Amino acid sequence: MKPISIYIVEDELLISASLRAQLQHFGYEILGASTRGESSLNEIEQLSIQGREPEIILMDIHLRGELDGIETAKKINEKYNCGIIFLTGQSSKEVYERSFKIKPFGYLLKPIDMEQTKMTIEIAAYQRDLELKNIEYQQNLEILVTLRTQEKNEIQQMYQTILDNSLMGIMIASYEKIVYVNKKCGDIFEVNKDEFLKISYWEIIRMFPETDQQIIIALSEKYFENMIKSNTIKLRTRLNHVRIKWLETQIDTVEYFEKPAICLTFFDISNFQNNQFFERS
């Protein structure tokens, strides 16, 4: 098992040397030590570049120089995934309140007890490992969600392409409102697809001759009452009140966002020769 890697920031050279020697004796890997916050930041940066970022940093709170231990730890947390354990000779409320914001993995009071130090390091390393695994899990989950979203969008685009290039016009009506039409449906009725959705179901019905309107209305009522499931009929539609189109129309009951709806598919058969359709008055 790989030993836990540690970096020591302690401005008392004797304490730092003693810590280093005893931790090495316990089997830990000591990556370096520094007496100043500024120099520790530089060394940790170099270690990170080399792929040797320390797992645990023992950080003296009271450092001489421009940066004390809390400010140094804050900068480390902003860039790296090191577990901070604070070393302090004081237990003042002010110190703890400032350091709590850093979210340290533990505290060690001076004079340092090595058995307690070992236990604190082991717990901190375990906690850090759990947090990194959680971060990795969340990142993988985000990647998976992104991939699934992309796949869903690609499938939706594929279906939309198929529907828009279909030879049949497709319309879905729910509660007497047009909720979906494909491009071919707009072509058949000579209405822009986007404008189609602004038209009411009854306005669409009025595009048919009166006798055909009655057929559509009667069938629609039966579909919404679930009295019939599917039917194919031949209808006429009068465009601009002048030109007649013959449509083979299939009506089915469907669910649209868990609501009852009817789906109408239209196939323009006006140009088919030798059909057996008869003109209705």
C-alpha atoms as a PDB file:
ATOM      1  CA  MET A   1       0.000   0.000   0.000  1.00  0.00           C
ATOM      2  CA  LYS A   2       1.333   3.389  -1.025  1.00  0.00           C
ATOM      3  CA  PRO A   3       2.405   5.511   1.985  1.00  0.00           C
ATOM      4  CA  ILE A   4       0.536   8.749   2.701  1.00  0.00           C
ATOM      5  CA  SER A   5       2.470  11.728   1.319  1.00  0.00           C
ATOM      6  CA  ILE A   6       2.943  14.727   3.624  1.00  0.00           C
ATOM      7  CA  TYR A   7       4.301  18.255   3.325  1.00  0.00           C
ATOM      8  CA  ILE A   8       5.222  20.176   6.494  1.00  0.00           C
ATOM      9  CA  VAL A   9       4.893  23.940   6.940  1.00  0.00           C
ATOM     10  CA  GLU A  10       6.379  24.857  10.331  1.00  0.00           C
ATOM     11  CA  ASP A  11       8.481  27.938  11.116  1.00  0.00           C
ATOM     12  CA  GLU A  12      10.284  26.297  14.058  1.00  0.00           C
ATOM     13  CA  LEU A  13      13.109  24.320  12.483  1.00  0.00           C
ATOM     14  CA  LEU A  14      13.535  21.977  15.454  1.00  0.00           C
ATOM     15  CA  ILE A  15       9.829  21.083  15.503  1.00  0.00           C
ATOM     16  CA  SER A  16       9.844  20.648  11.729  1.00  0.00           C
ATOM     17  CA  ALA A  17      12.904  18.355  11.810  1.00  0.00           C
ATOM     18  CA  SER A  18      11.458  16.317  14.685  1.00  0.00           C
ATOM     19  CA  LEU A  19       8.124  15.914  12.892  1.00  0.00           C
ATOM     20  CA  ARG A  20       9.863  14.868   9.702  1.00  0.00           C
ATOM     21  CA  ALA A  21      11.985  12.233  11.380  1.00  0.00           C
ATOM     22  CA  GLN A  22       9.160  10.716  13.421  1.00  0.00           C
ATOM     23  CA  LEU A  23       6.674  10.671  10.531  1.00  0.00           C
ATOM     24  CA  GLN A  24       9.223   8.968   8.311  1.00  0.00           C
ATOM     25  CA  HIS A  25       9.723   6.428  11.077  1.00  0.00           C
ATOM     26  CA  PHE A  26       5.953   5.738  10.963  1.00  0.00           C
ATOM     27  CA  GLY A  27       6.267   5.035   7.243  1.00  0.00           C
ATOM     28  CA  TYR A  28       4.909   8.261   5.802  1.00  0.00           C
ATOM     29  CA  GLU A  29       6.427   9.861   2.707  1.00  0.00           C
ATOM     30  CA  ILE A  30       7.658  13.399   3.457  1.00  0.00           C
ATOM     31  CA  LEU A  31       7.721  15.407   0.222  1.00  0.00           C
ATOM     32  CA  GLY A  32       9.233  18.525   1.734  1.00  0.00           C
ATOM     33  CA  ALA A  33       9.124  21.140   4.439  1.00  0.00           C
ATOM     34  CA  SER A  34       9.086  24.923   4.588  1.00  0.00           C
ATOM     35  CA  THR A  35       9.191  27.635   7.234  1.00  0.00           C
ATOM     36  CA  ARG A  36       7.198  30.261   5.270  1.00  0.00           C
ATOM     37  CA  GLY A  37       3.828  30.303   3.596  1.00  0.00           C
ATOM     38  CA  GLU A  38       5.164  31.940   0.427  1.00  0.00           C
ATOM     39  CA  SER A  39       7.925  29.367  -0.140  1.00  0.00           C
ATOM     40  CA  SER A  40       5.574  26.462   0.656  1.00  0.00           C
ATOM     41  CA  LEU A  41       3.204  27.623  -2.104  1.00  0.00           C
ATOM     42  CA  ASN A  42       6.050  27.589  -4.624  1.00  0.00           C
ATOM     43  CA  GLU A  43       7.246  24.145  -3.597  1.00  0.00           C
ATOM     44  CA  ILE A  44       3.743  22.641  -3.591  1.00  0.00           C
ATOM     45  CA  GLU A  45       3.192  24.068  -7.064  1.00  0.00           C
ATOM     46  CA  GLN A  46       6.351  22.352  -8.310  1.00  0.00           C
ATOM     47  CA  LEU A  47       5.318  19.073  -6.678  1.00  0.00           C
ATOM     48  CA  SER A  48       1.902  19.317  -8.325  1.00  0.00           C
ATOM     49  CA  ILE A  49       3.503  19.910 -11.732  1.00  0.00           C
ATOM     50  CA  GLN A  50       5.549  16.743 -11.181  1.00  0.00           C
ATOM     51  CA  GLY A  51       2.402  14.810 -10.324  1.00  0.00           C
ATOM     52  CA  ARG A  52       3.392  14.527  -6.663  1.00  0.00           C
ATOM     53  CA  GLU A  53       0.809  16.742  -4.984  1.00  0.00           C
ATOM     54  CA  PRO A  54       0.882  15.986  -1.236  1.00  0.00           C
ATOM     55  CA  GLU A  55      -2.124  14.265   0.251  1.00  0.00           C
ATOM     56  CA  ILE A  56      -1.717  15.907   3.662  1.00  0.00           C
ATOM     57  CA  ILE A  57      -0.228  19.256   4.647  1.00  0.00           C
ATOM     58  CA  LEU A  58       0.681  19.897   8.278  1.00  0.00           C
ATOM     59  CA  MET A  59       0.249  23.657   8.514  1.00  0.00           C
ATOM     60  CA  ASP A  60       1.434  25.790  11.408  1.00  0.00           C
ATOM     61  CA  ILE A  61      -1.132  28.551  11.920  1.00  0.00           C
ATOM     62  CA  HIS A  62       1.369  31.121  13.237  1.00  0.00           C
ATOM     63  CA  LEU A  63       3.906  31.659  10.466  1.00  0.00           C
ATOM     64  CA  ARG A  64       6.211  34.606  10.148  1.00  0.00           C
ATOM     65  CA  GLY A  65       6.030  36.531   6.915  1.00  0.00           C
ATOM     66  CA  GLU A  66       3.247  38.096   4.852  1.00  0.00           C
ATOM     67  CA  LEU A  67       1.097  34.953   4.890  1.00  0.00           C
ATOM     68  CA  ASP A  68       0.130  33.157   8.066  1.00  0.00           C
ATOM     69  CA  GLY A  69      -0.895  29.500   8.043  1.00  0.00           C
ATOM     70  CA  ILE A  70      -4.606  30.213   7.512  1.00  0.00           C
ATOM     71  CA  GLU A  71      -4.012  32.471   4.485  1.00  0.00           C
ATOM     72  CA  THR A  72      -1.532  29.976   3.060  1.00  0.00           C
ATOM     73  CA  ALA A  73      -4.010  27.113   3.536  1.00  0.00           C
ATOM     74  CA  LYS A  74      -6.709  29.156   1.817  1.00  0.00           C
ATOM     75  CA  LYS A  75      -4.514  29.610  -1.273  1.00  0.00           C
ATOM     76  CA  ILE A  76      -3.647  25.908  -1.281  1.00  0.00           C
ATOM     77  CA  ASN A  77      -7.324  24.922  -1.139  1.00  0.00           C
ATOM     78  CA  GLU A  78      -8.084  27.183  -4.107  1.00  0.00           C
ATOM     79  CA  LYS A  79      -5.694  25.251  -6.375  1.00  0.00           C
ATOM     80  CA  TYR A  80      -5.043  21.806  -4.952  1.00  0.00           C
ATOM     81  CA  ASN A  81      -6.754  18.839  -3.312  1.00  0.00           C
ATOM     82  CA  CYS A  82      -4.582  18.613  -0.218  1.00  0.00           C
ATOM     83  CA  GLY A  83      -5.955  17.760   3.205  1.00  0.00           C
ATOM     84  CA  ILE A  84      -4.984  20.538   5.643  1.00  0.00           C
ATOM     85  CA  ILE A  85      -4.213  19.727   9.280  1.00  0.00           C
ATOM     86  CA  PHE A  86      -3.483  22.803  11.357  1.00  0.00           C
ATOM     87  CA  LEU A  87      -0.730  22.901  13.983  1.00  0.00           C
ATOM     88  CA  THR A  88      -1.230  25.451  16.735  1.00  0.00           C
ATOM     89  CA  GLY A  89       0.082  26.297  20.172  1.00  0.00           C
ATOM     90  CA  GLN A  90      -3.120  28.189  20.985  1.00  0.00           C
ATOM     91  CA  SER A  91      -6.741  27.206  21.206  1.00  0.00           C
ATOM     92  CA  SER A  92      -8.261  30.680  21.001  1.00  0.00           C
ATOM     93  CA  LYS A  93     -11.761  31.192  19.627  1.00  0.00           C
ATOM     94  CA  GLU A  94     -10.508  33.715  17.065  1.00  0.00           C
ATOM     95  CA  VAL A  95      -8.039  31.222  15.591  1.00  0.00           C
ATOM     96  CA  TYR A  96     -10.655  28.509  15.258  1.00  0.00           C
ATOM     97  CA  GLU A  97     -13.256  30.849  13.756  1.00  0.00           C
ATOM     98  CA  ARG A  98     -10.808  31.968  11.063  1.00  0.00           C
ATOM     99  CA  SER A  99      -9.554  28.484  10.328  1.00  0.00           C
ATOM    100  CA  PHE A 100     -13.029  26.883  10.170  1.00  0.00           C
ATOM    101  CA  LYS A 101     -13.634  28.679   6.872  1.00  0.00           C
ATOM    102  CA  ILE A 102     -10.760  26.695   5.364  1.00  0.00           C
ATOM    103  CA  LYS A 103     -12.562  23.450   6.238  1.00  0.00           C
ATOM    104  CA  PRO A 104      -9.483  21.734   7.712  1.00  0.00           C
ATOM    105  CA  PHE A 105      -9.255  17.983   8.094  1.00  0.00           C
ATOM    106  CA  GLY A 106      -8.013  18.259  11.675  1.00  0.00           C
ATOM    107  CA  TYR A 107      -6.120  20.167  14.405  1.00  0.00           C
ATOM    108  CA  LEU A 108      -3.030  19.246  16.376  1.00  0.00           C
ATOM    109  CA  LEU A 109      -2.081  21.152  19.529  1.00  0.00           C
ATOM    110  CA  LYS A 110       1.545  21.746  20.441  1.00  0.00           C
ATOM    111  CA  PRO A 111       3.443  20.119  22.048  1.00  0.00           C
ATOM    112  CA  ILE A 112       2.630  17.472  19.475  1.00  0.00           C
ATOM    113  CA  ASP A 113       1.671  13.975  20.558  1.00  0.00           C
ATOM    114  CA  MET A 114       2.841  11.608  17.817  1.00  0.00           C
ATOM    115  CA  GLU A 115       0.232   8.925  18.428  1.00  0.00           C
ATOM    116  CA  GLN A 116      -2.514  11.512  18.136  1.00  0.00           C
ATOM    117  CA  THR A 117      -0.747  12.960  15.075  1.00  0.00           C
ATOM    118  CA  LYS A 118      -0.672   9.561  13.388  1.00  0.00           C
ATOM    119  CA  MET A 119      -4.378   8.983  14.056  1.00  0.00           C
ATOM    120  CA  THR A 120      -5.293  12.477  12.803  1.00  0.00           C
ATOM    121  CA  ILE A 121      -3.280  11.966   9.604  1.00  0.00           C
ATOM    122  CA  GLU A 122      -4.887   8.588   8.918  1.00  0.00           C
ATOM    123  CA  ILE A 123      -8.414   9.958   9.419  1.00  0.00           C
ATOM    124  CA  ALA A 124      -7.654  13.037   7.297  1.00  0.00           C
ATOM    125  CA  ALA A 125      -6.210  10.936   4.459  1.00  0.00           C
ATOM    126  CA  TYR A 126      -9.247   8.639   4.505  1.00  0.00           C
ATOM    127  CA  GLN A 127     -11.652  11.580   4.502  1.00  0.00           C
ATOM    128  CA  ARG A 128      -9.740  13.268   1.656  1.00  0.00           C
ATOM    129  CA  ASP A 129      -9.860  10.055  -0.378  1.00  0.00           C
ATOM    130  CA  LEU A 130     -13.632   9.836   0.091  1.00  0.00           C
ATOM    131  CA  GLU A 131     -14.076  13.444  -0.998  1.00  0.00           C
ATOM    132  CA  LEU A 132     -11.958  12.932  -4.125  1.00  0.00           C
ATOM    133  CA  LYS A 133     -13.925   9.810  -5.021  1.00  0.00           C
ATOM    134  CA  ASN A 134     -17.146  11.764  -4.542  1.00  0.00           C
ATOM    135  CA  ILE A 135     -15.842  14.542  -6.816  1.00  0.00           C
ATOM    136  CA  GLU A 136     -14.848  11.952  -9.431  1.00  0.00           C
ATOM    137  CA  TYR A 137     -18.259  10.296  -9.153  1.00  0.00           C
ATOM    138  CA  GLN A 138     -20.025  13.642  -9.636  1.00  0.00           C
ATOM    139  CA  GLN A 139     -17.824  14.495 -12.616  1.00  0.00           C
ATOM    140  CA  ASN A 140     -18.490  11.106 -14.200  1.00  0.00           C
ATOM    141  CA  LEU A 141     -22.199  11.544 -13.529  1.00  0.00           C
ATOM    142  CA  GLU A 142     -22.160  14.976 -15.193  1.00  0.00           C
ATOM    143  CA  ILE A 143     -20.339  13.504 -18.202  1.00  0.00           C
ATOM    144  CA  LEU A 144     -22.874  10.666 -18.367  1.00  0.00           C
ATOM    145  CA  VAL A 145     -25.808  13.101 -18.146  1.00  0.00           C
ATOM    146  CA  THR A 146     -24.223  15.236 -20.885  1.00  0.00           C
ATOM    147  CA  LEU A 147     -23.748  12.180 -23.112  1.00  0.00           C
ATOM    148  CA  ARG A 148     -27.286  10.970 -22.469  1.00  0.00           C
ATOM    149  CA  THR A 149     -28.625  14.455 -23.219  1.00  0.00           C
ATOM    150  CA  GLN A 150     -26.633  14.564 -26.455  1.00  0.00           C
ATOM    151  CA  GLU A 151     -27.910  11.104 -27.405  1.00  0.00           C
ATOM    152  CA  LYS A 152     -31.474  12.159 -26.602  1.00  0.00           C
ATOM    153  CA  ASN A 153     -31.111  15.335 -28.660  1.00  0.00           C
ATOM    154  CA  GLU A 154     -29.617  13.375 -31.564  1.00  0.00           C
ATOM    155  CA  ILE A 155     -32.482  10.867 -31.417  1.00  0.00           C
ATOM    156  CA  GLN A 156     -35.030  13.694 -31.266  1.00  0.00           C
ATOM    157  CA  GLN A 157     -33.368  15.389 -34.228  1.00  0.00           C
ATOM    158  CA  MET A 158     -33.354  12.096 -36.129  1.00  0.00           C
ATOM    159  CA  TYR A 159     -37.051  11.505 -35.450  1.00  0.00           C
ATOM    160  CA  GLN A 160     -37.864  15.108 -36.333  1.00  0.00           C
ATOM    161  CA  THR A 161     -35.963  14.739 -39.618  1.00  0.00           C
ATOM    162  CA  ILE A 162     -37.857  11.541 -40.381  1.00  0.00           C
ATOM    163  CA  LEU A 163     -41.195  13.124 -39.512  1.00  0.00           C
ATOM    164  CA  ASP A 164     -40.524  16.313 -41.463  1.00  0.00           C
ATOM    165  CA  ASN A 165     -39.516  14.319 -44.547  1.00  0.00           C
ATOM    166  CA  SER A 166     -42.431  11.934 -44.285  1.00  0.00           C
ATOM    167  CA  LEU A 167     -44.819  11.609 -47.251  1.00  0.00           C
ATOM    168  CA  MET A 168     -47.679  11.796 -44.766  1.00  0.00           C
ATOM    169  CA  GLY A 169     -48.883  14.842 -42.914  1.00  0.00           C
ATOM    170  CA  ILE A 170     -49.065  14.234 -39.168  1.00  0.00           C
ATOM    171  CA  MET A 171     -51.183  16.232 -36.729  1.00  0.00           C
ATOM    172  CA  ILE A 172     -51.824  15.716 -33.015  1.00  0.00           C
ATOM    173  CA  ALA A 173     -54.750  17.422 -31.301  1.00  0.00           C
ATOM    174  CA  SER A 174     -55.340  17.461 -27.562  1.00  0.00           C
ATOM    175  CA  TYR A 175     -58.368  19.083 -25.929  1.00  0.00           C
ATOM    176  CA  GLU A 176     -59.360  20.700 -29.233  1.00  0.00           C
ATOM    177  CA  LYS A 177     -55.926  22.296 -29.620  1.00  0.00           C
ATOM    178  CA  ILE A 178     -53.303  21.489 -32.245  1.00  0.00           C
ATOM    179  CA  VAL A 179     -50.172  20.527 -30.314  1.00  0.00           C
ATOM    180  CA  TYR A 180     -48.014  19.055 -33.084  1.00  0.00           C
ATOM    181  CA  VAL A 181     -47.763  19.111 -36.869  1.00  0.00           C
ATOM    182  CA  ASN A 182     -44.955  18.000 -39.132  1.00  0.00           C
ATOM    183  CA  LYS A 183     -43.735  19.884 -42.188  1.00  0.00           C
ATOM    184  CA  LYS A 184     -45.661  17.713 -44.641  1.00  0.00           C
ATOM    185  CA  CYS A 185     -48.925  18.528 -42.877  1.00  0.00           C
ATOM    186  CA  GLY A 186     -48.221  22.211 -43.427  1.00  0.00           C
ATOM    187  CA  ASP A 187     -47.444  21.507 -47.091  1.00  0.00           C
ATOM    188  CA  ILE A 188     -50.700  19.623 -47.598  1.00  0.00           C
ATOM    189  CA  PHE A 189     -52.848  22.363 -46.104  1.00  0.00           C
ATOM    190  CA  GLU A 190     -50.568  25.084 -47.484  1.00  0.00           C
ATOM    191  CA  VAL A 191     -50.049  26.598 -44.045  1.00  0.00           C
ATOM    192  CA  ASN A 192     -46.657  27.376 -42.481  1.00  0.00           C
ATOM    193  CA  LYS A 193     -45.804  24.729 -39.870  1.00  0.00           C
ATOM    194  CA  ASP A 194     -45.296  27.305 -37.098  1.00  0.00           C
ATOM    195  CA  GLU A 195     -48.503  29.134 -38.007  1.00  0.00           C
ATOM    196  CA  PHE A 196     -50.344  25.826 -37.945  1.00  0.00           C
ATOM    197  CA  LEU A 197     -49.928  25.570 -34.171  1.00  0.00           C
ATOM    198  CA  LYS A 198     -51.759  28.867 -33.742  1.00  0.00           C
ATOM    199  CA  ILE A 199     -54.831  27.532 -35.525  1.00  0.00           C
ATOM    200  CA  SER A 200     -57.583  25.918 -33.474  1.00  0.00           C
ATOM    201  CA  TYR A 201     -58.754  22.386 -34.123  1.00  0.00           C
ATOM    202  CA  TRP A 202     -62.140  23.727 -35.254  1.00  0.00           C
ATOM    203  CA  GLU A 203     -60.509  26.059 -37.771  1.00  0.00           C
ATOM    204  CA  ILE A 204     -58.781  23.014 -39.276  1.00  0.00           C
ATOM    205  CA  ILE A 205     -62.098  21.169 -39.474  1.00  0.00           C
ATOM    206  CA  ARG A 206     -63.616  24.140 -41.335  1.00  0.00           C
ATOM    207  CA  MET A 207     -61.074  23.551 -44.121  1.00  0.00           C
ATOM    208  CA  PHE A 208     -63.157  20.513 -45.077  1.00  0.00           C
ATOM    209  CA  PRO A 209     -66.555  20.510 -46.824  1.00  0.00           C
ATOM    210  CA  GLU A 210     -69.511  20.458 -44.451  1.00  0.00           C
ATOM    211  CA  THR A 211     -70.347  16.792 -45.022  1.00  0.00           C
ATOM    212  CA  ASP A 212     -66.734  15.823 -44.242  1.00  0.00           C
ATOM    213  CA  GLN A 213     -66.722  18.107 -41.192  1.00  0.00           C
ATOM    214  CA  GLN A 214     -69.575  16.103 -39.706  1.00  0.00           C
ATOM    215  CA  ILE A 215     -67.646  12.870 -40.225  1.00  0.00           C
ATOM    216  CA  ILE A 216     -64.528  14.275 -38.527  1.00  0.00           C
ATOM    217  CA  ILE A 217     -66.472  15.699 -35.581  1.00  0.00           C
ATOM    218  CA  ALA A 218     -68.388  12.439 -35.024  1.00  0.00           C
ATOM    219  CA  LEU A 219     -65.218  10.369 -35.186  1.00  0.00           C
ATOM    220  CA  SER A 220     -63.280  12.777 -32.927  1.00  0.00           C
ATOM    221  CA  GLU A 221     -65.950  12.558 -30.234  1.00  0.00           C
ATOM    222  CA  LYS A 222     -65.783   8.767 -30.329  1.00  0.00           C
ATOM    223  CA  TYR A 223     -61.988   8.791 -30.123  1.00  0.00           C
ATOM    224  CA  PHE A 224     -61.928  11.054 -27.092  1.00  0.00           C
ATOM    225  CA  GLU A 225     -64.492   8.767 -25.461  1.00  0.00           C
ATOM    226  CA  ASN A 226     -62.256   5.757 -26.337  1.00  0.00           C
ATOM    227  CA  MET A 227     -65.116   4.137 -28.215  1.00  0.00           C
ATOM    228  CA  ILE A 228     -62.885   3.329 -31.208  1.00  0.00           C
ATOM    229  CA  LYS A 229     -59.136   2.978 -31.578  1.00  0.00           C
ATOM    230  CA  SER A 230     -58.301   3.490 -35.257  1.00  0.00           C
ATOM    231  CA  ASN A 231     -60.001   4.226 -38.532  1.00  0.00           C
ATOM    232  CA  THR A 232     -59.047   5.202 -42.084  1.00  0.00           C
ATOM    233  CA  ILE A 233     -61.331   7.436 -44.163  1.00  0.00           C
ATOM    234  CA  LYS A 234     -61.149   9.478 -47.340  1.00  0.00           C
ATOM    235  CA  LEU A 235     -61.822  13.192 -46.972  1.00  0.00           C
ATOM    236  CA  ARG A 236     -61.747  16.289 -49.105  1.00  0.00           C
ATOM    237  CA  THR A 237     -60.251  19.611 -48.089  1.00  0.00           C
ATOM    238  CA  ARG A 238     -61.002  22.854 -49.892  1.00  0.00           C
ATOM    239  CA  LEU A 239     -58.002  25.196 -50.037  1.00  0.00           C
ATOM    240  CA  ASN A 240     -58.771  28.909 -50.439  1.00  0.00           C
ATOM    241  CA  HIS A 241     -62.425  27.853 -50.820  1.00  0.00           C
ATOM    242  CA  VAL A 242     -61.655  26.845 -54.405  1.00  0.00           C
ATOM    243  CA  ARG A 243     -59.231  23.968 -54.927  1.00  0.00           C
ATOM    244  CA  ILE A 244     -60.113  20.485 -53.668  1.00  0.00           C
ATOM    245  CA  LYS A 245     -57.598  17.968 -52.319  1.00  0.00           C
ATOM    246  CA  TRP A 246     -58.432  14.348 -51.646  1.00  0.00           C
ATOM    247  CA  LEU A 247     -56.828  13.049 -48.460  1.00  0.00           C
ATOM    248  CA  GLU A 248     -56.614   9.524 -47.145  1.00  0.00           C
ATOM    249  CA  THR A 249     -56.882  10.135 -43.429  1.00  0.00           C
ATOM    250  CA  GLN A 250     -56.151   7.826 -40.523  1.00  0.00           C
ATOM    251  CA  ILE A 251     -57.285   8.736 -37.028  1.00  0.00           C
ATOM    252  CA  ASP A 252     -55.853   7.100 -33.892  1.00  0.00           C
ATOM    253  CA  THR A 253     -56.065   7.711 -30.178  1.00  0.00           C
ATOM    254  CA  VAL A 254     -52.739   8.524 -28.503  1.00  0.00           C
ATOM    255  CA  GLU A 255     -51.360   9.999 -25.317  1.00  0.00           C
ATOM    256  CA  TYR A 256     -49.584  13.322 -25.523  1.00  0.00           C
ATOM    257  CA  PHE A 257     -47.661  14.146 -22.323  1.00  0.00           C
ATOM    258  CA  GLU A 258     -49.957  11.713 -20.474  1.00  0.00           C
ATOM    259  CA  LYS A 259     -53.079  13.437 -21.786  1.00  0.00           C
ATOM    260  CA  PRO A 260     -55.624  11.965 -24.216  1.00  0.00           C
ATOM    261  CA  ALA A 261     -55.176  13.129 -27.797  1.00  0.00           C
ATOM    262  CA  ILE A 262     -55.972  12.102 -31.334  1.00  0.00           C
ATOM    263  CA  CYS A 263     -53.396  11.680 -34.075  1.00  0.00           C
ATOM    264  CA  LEU A 264     -54.435  12.347 -37.669  1.00  0.00           C
ATOM    265  CA  THR A 265     -52.255  11.332 -40.592  1.00  0.00           C
ATOM    266  CA  PHE A 266     -53.016  12.742 -44.037  1.00  0.00           C
ATOM    267  CA  PHE A 267     -51.865  11.315 -47.365  1.00  0.00           C
ATOM    268  CA  ASP A 268     -52.543  13.453 -50.422  1.00  0.00           C
ATOM    269  CA  ILE A 269     -54.094  11.163 -53.058  1.00  0.00           C
ATOM    270  CA  SER A 270     -55.392  13.919 -55.330  1.00  0.00           C
ATOM    271  CA  ASN A 271     -53.015  13.038 -58.156  1.00  0.00           C
ATOM    272  CA  PHE A 272     -53.636   9.306 -58.104  1.00  0.00           C
ATOM    273  CA  GLN A 273     -55.245   8.158 -61.303  1.00  0.00           C
ATOM    274  CA  ASN A 274     -58.203   5.785 -61.640  1.00  0.00           C
ATOM    275  CA  ASN A 275     -59.289   6.226 -58.052  1.00  0.00           C
ATOM    276  CA  GLN A 276     -62.752   5.124 -57.093  1.00  0.00           C
ATOM    277  CA  PHE A 277     -63.639   8.185 -55.030  1.00  0.00           C
ATOM    278  CA  PHE A 278     -66.989   9.805 -55.627  1.00  0.00           C
ATOM    279  CA  GLU A 279     -67.852  13.477 -55.271  1.00  0.00           C
ATOM    280  CA  ARG A 280     -70.015  14.293 -52.297  1.00  0.00           C
ATOM    281  CA  SER A 281     -72.429  17.159 -52.641  1.00  0.00           C
END
